[in-house]
Protein backbone atom coordinates (compact mmCIF):
# COMPACT_ATOMS: atom_id res chain seq x y z
CA UNK A 1 3.22 -11.97 10.93
CA UNK A 2 -0.14 -11.13 13.10
CA UNK A 3 -2.14 -7.73 12.97
CA UNK A 4 -4.60 -6.93 15.15
CA UNK A 5 -6.65 -3.99 16.55
CA UNK A 6 -5.23 -1.84 19.80
CA UNK A 7 -7.11 -0.61 22.12
CA UNK A 8 -6.41 2.95 21.23
CA UNK A 9 -8.40 2.62 17.76
CA UNK A 10 -4.85 1.31 15.89
CA UNK A 11 -3.11 -1.66 14.92
CA UNK A 12 -0.66 -3.66 15.71
CA UNK A 13 1.27 -5.93 13.44
CA UNK A 14 3.43 -7.85 14.83
CA UNK A 15 6.89 -9.37 12.32
CA UNK A 16 7.36 -12.58 13.34
CA UNK A 17 10.63 -13.60 11.35
CA UNK A 18 12.52 -10.92 9.01
CA UNK A 19 10.89 -11.66 6.21
CA UNK A 20 7.50 -10.30 7.53
CA UNK A 21 9.45 -6.63 7.63
CA UNK A 22 10.39 -7.93 3.75
CA UNK A 23 6.83 -8.09 3.24
CA UNK A 24 5.68 -4.74 4.40
CA UNK A 25 8.86 -2.93 2.67
CA UNK A 26 7.48 -4.34 -0.43
CA UNK A 27 4.28 -1.74 0.32
CA UNK A 28 6.56 1.33 -0.75
CA UNK A 29 8.17 -0.95 -3.23
CA UNK A 30 5.27 -2.00 -4.95
CA UNK A 31 3.83 1.34 -5.21
CA UNK A 32 6.81 2.43 -6.78
CA UNK A 33 7.12 -0.07 -9.60
CA UNK A 34 5.16 1.14 -12.18
CA UNK A 35 7.67 3.52 -13.53
CA UNK A 36 5.02 6.28 -14.11
CA UNK A 37 3.65 7.89 -10.52
CA UNK A 38 0.22 7.10 -9.58
CA UNK A 39 -1.17 11.22 -10.03
CA UNK A 40 0.32 10.86 -13.51
CA UNK A 41 -1.36 7.66 -14.17
CA UNK A 42 -4.55 9.04 -12.56
CA UNK A 43 -4.56 12.48 -14.79
CA UNK A 44 -3.69 10.43 -18.14
CA UNK A 45 -7.70 9.30 -17.50
CA UNK A 46 -8.88 12.54 -17.49
CA UNK A 47 -10.57 13.10 -21.03
CA UNK A 48 -9.15 16.53 -23.17
CA UNK A 49 -13.05 17.76 -23.31
CA UNK A 50 -13.47 17.21 -19.42
CA UNK A 51 -9.88 19.55 -18.62
CA UNK A 52 -7.34 16.96 -18.76
CA UNK A 53 -4.62 20.14 -18.90
CA UNK A 54 -6.22 21.84 -16.09
CA UNK A 55 -6.09 18.51 -14.28
CA UNK A 56 -2.54 18.01 -15.42
CA UNK A 57 -1.51 21.88 -14.04
CA UNK A 58 -3.80 22.09 -11.12
CA UNK A 59 -4.48 18.48 -9.62
CA UNK A 60 -1.63 16.06 -10.58
CA UNK A 61 1.26 18.01 -8.80
CA UNK A 62 -1.31 18.39 -5.58
CA UNK A 63 -1.80 14.23 -5.82
CA UNK A 64 1.55 13.38 -6.67
CA UNK A 65 2.95 14.99 -2.84
CA UNK A 66 -0.16 13.49 -1.23
CA UNK A 67 1.35 10.07 -3.00
CA UNK A 68 4.73 10.63 -2.37
CA UNK A 69 3.91 12.05 1.34
CA UNK A 70 2.33 8.45 2.24
CA UNK A 71 4.68 6.34 0.99
CA UNK A 72 7.49 8.78 2.94
CA UNK A 73 5.53 8.15 6.17
CA UNK A 74 5.21 4.33 5.80
CA UNK A 75 8.82 4.19 4.50
CA UNK A 76 10.24 6.05 8.11
CA UNK A 77 7.08 4.05 10.57
CA UNK A 78 8.45 0.96 9.12
CA UNK A 79 12.35 1.99 9.26
CA UNK A 80 11.94 3.18 12.93
CA UNK A 81 10.05 -0.25 13.67
CA UNK A 82 12.53 -2.08 11.91
CA UNK A 83 15.26 -0.48 14.04
CA UNK A 84 13.41 -0.69 17.74
CA UNK A 85 13.62 -4.36 16.73
CA UNK A 86 16.85 -4.89 15.32
CA UNK A 87 15.12 -6.55 12.61
CA UNK A 88 14.05 -9.28 14.28
CA UNK A 89 10.24 -10.32 15.62
CA UNK A 90 8.79 -6.97 17.23
CA UNK A 91 5.53 -4.54 16.48
CA UNK A 92 4.80 -2.34 14.02
CA UNK A 93 1.80 0.14 15.46
CA UNK A 94 -0.52 2.28 12.95
CA UNK A 95 -2.17 4.93 15.14
CA UNK A 96 -5.52 6.26 14.26
CA UNK A 97 -4.53 9.40 12.75
CA UNK A 98 -1.72 7.66 10.18
CA UNK A 99 -4.75 4.99 9.06
CA UNK A 100 -5.44 7.05 6.24
CA UNK A 101 -1.76 7.51 5.62
CA UNK A 102 -1.50 3.57 5.31
CA UNK A 103 -4.93 3.16 3.86
CA UNK A 104 -3.47 5.28 0.66
CA UNK A 105 0.15 4.09 0.56
CA UNK A 106 -1.36 -0.10 0.36
CA UNK A 107 -3.66 1.28 -2.37
CA UNK A 108 -0.93 2.72 -4.61
CA UNK A 109 0.78 -0.52 -4.22
CA UNK A 110 -2.45 -2.37 -4.93
CA UNK A 111 -3.17 -0.33 -7.83
CA UNK A 112 0.68 -0.93 -9.33
CA UNK A 113 0.23 -4.66 -8.78
CA UNK A 114 -2.71 -4.84 -10.49
CA UNK A 115 -1.95 -2.42 -13.75
CA UNK A 116 1.54 -4.67 -13.68
CA UNK A 117 -0.37 -8.15 -13.52
CA UNK A 118 -3.93 -7.90 -14.09
CA UNK A 119 -5.23 -9.86 -11.77
CA UNK A 120 -8.73 -8.77 -12.41
CA UNK A 121 -11.49 -9.95 -9.32
CA UNK A 122 -10.52 -11.96 -6.82
CA UNK A 123 -13.33 -14.14 -7.22
CA UNK A 124 -12.83 -14.59 -10.91
CA UNK A 125 -8.96 -15.10 -10.34
CA UNK A 126 -7.19 -18.87 -10.61
CA UNK A 127 -4.22 -18.50 -8.84
CA UNK A 128 -3.24 -22.18 -9.52
CA UNK A 129 -0.23 -21.95 -12.43
CA UNK A 130 1.43 -18.86 -11.56
CA UNK A 131 5.13 -18.21 -12.00
CA UNK A 132 6.61 -17.53 -8.35
CA UNK A 133 6.99 -13.70 -9.51
CA UNK A 134 2.96 -13.25 -10.03
CA UNK A 135 2.12 -15.94 -7.02
CA UNK A 136 4.41 -13.47 -4.69
CA UNK A 137 2.39 -10.60 -6.22
CA UNK A 138 -1.20 -11.72 -6.16
CA UNK A 139 -0.30 -12.26 -2.04
CA UNK A 140 1.39 -9.30 -1.48
CA UNK A 141 -1.98 -7.43 -2.95
CA UNK A 142 -4.27 -9.96 -1.13
CA UNK A 143 -2.13 -9.22 2.19
CA UNK A 144 -2.37 -5.44 1.31
CA UNK A 145 -6.34 -5.79 1.02
CA UNK A 146 -6.51 -7.93 4.82
CA UNK A 147 -4.44 -4.67 6.19
CA UNK A 148 -6.95 -2.10 4.58
CA UNK A 149 -10.17 -3.99 5.77
CA UNK A 150 -8.98 -3.80 9.23
CA UNK A 151 -7.76 0.05 8.41
CA UNK A 152 -11.50 0.41 7.48
CA UNK A 153 -12.97 -1.60 9.89
CA UNK A 154 -11.07 -0.64 13.34
CA UNK A 155 -9.38 2.48 12.41
CA UNK A 156 -11.24 5.02 10.25
CA UNK A 157 -14.08 4.58 11.55
């Protein structure tokens, strides 16, 4: 898989083999893998004295909707790109106006992976001895981080 900025201010990700589409689809799967949605998990972090009841009533529903909309947008974009390429090699375009949606979905996926596996800071993490499942999760998290960095550098200026 290759990723590069476009002249229009977006990103182009080229799936080179069918498995690249599987990796991209994992964004949505990872984001939803925690069992409890991110909005609720964030609401649980608010202390009672800081207004946790108000947060739960007024903020969490709106956050949940934003987070779900991000994942639906990503899923639809991936499905369309996969259909256009018939599941083989092909491009996925991230337009400038969708940069923040992609960034948010990637962040959801990374947060879910981190909560599940607790890898910690990259410079303090030792990759040796990981099980195949943990190694796959770690590599996906690093891939998501790389795409987020590209979004910040080239799309969300």
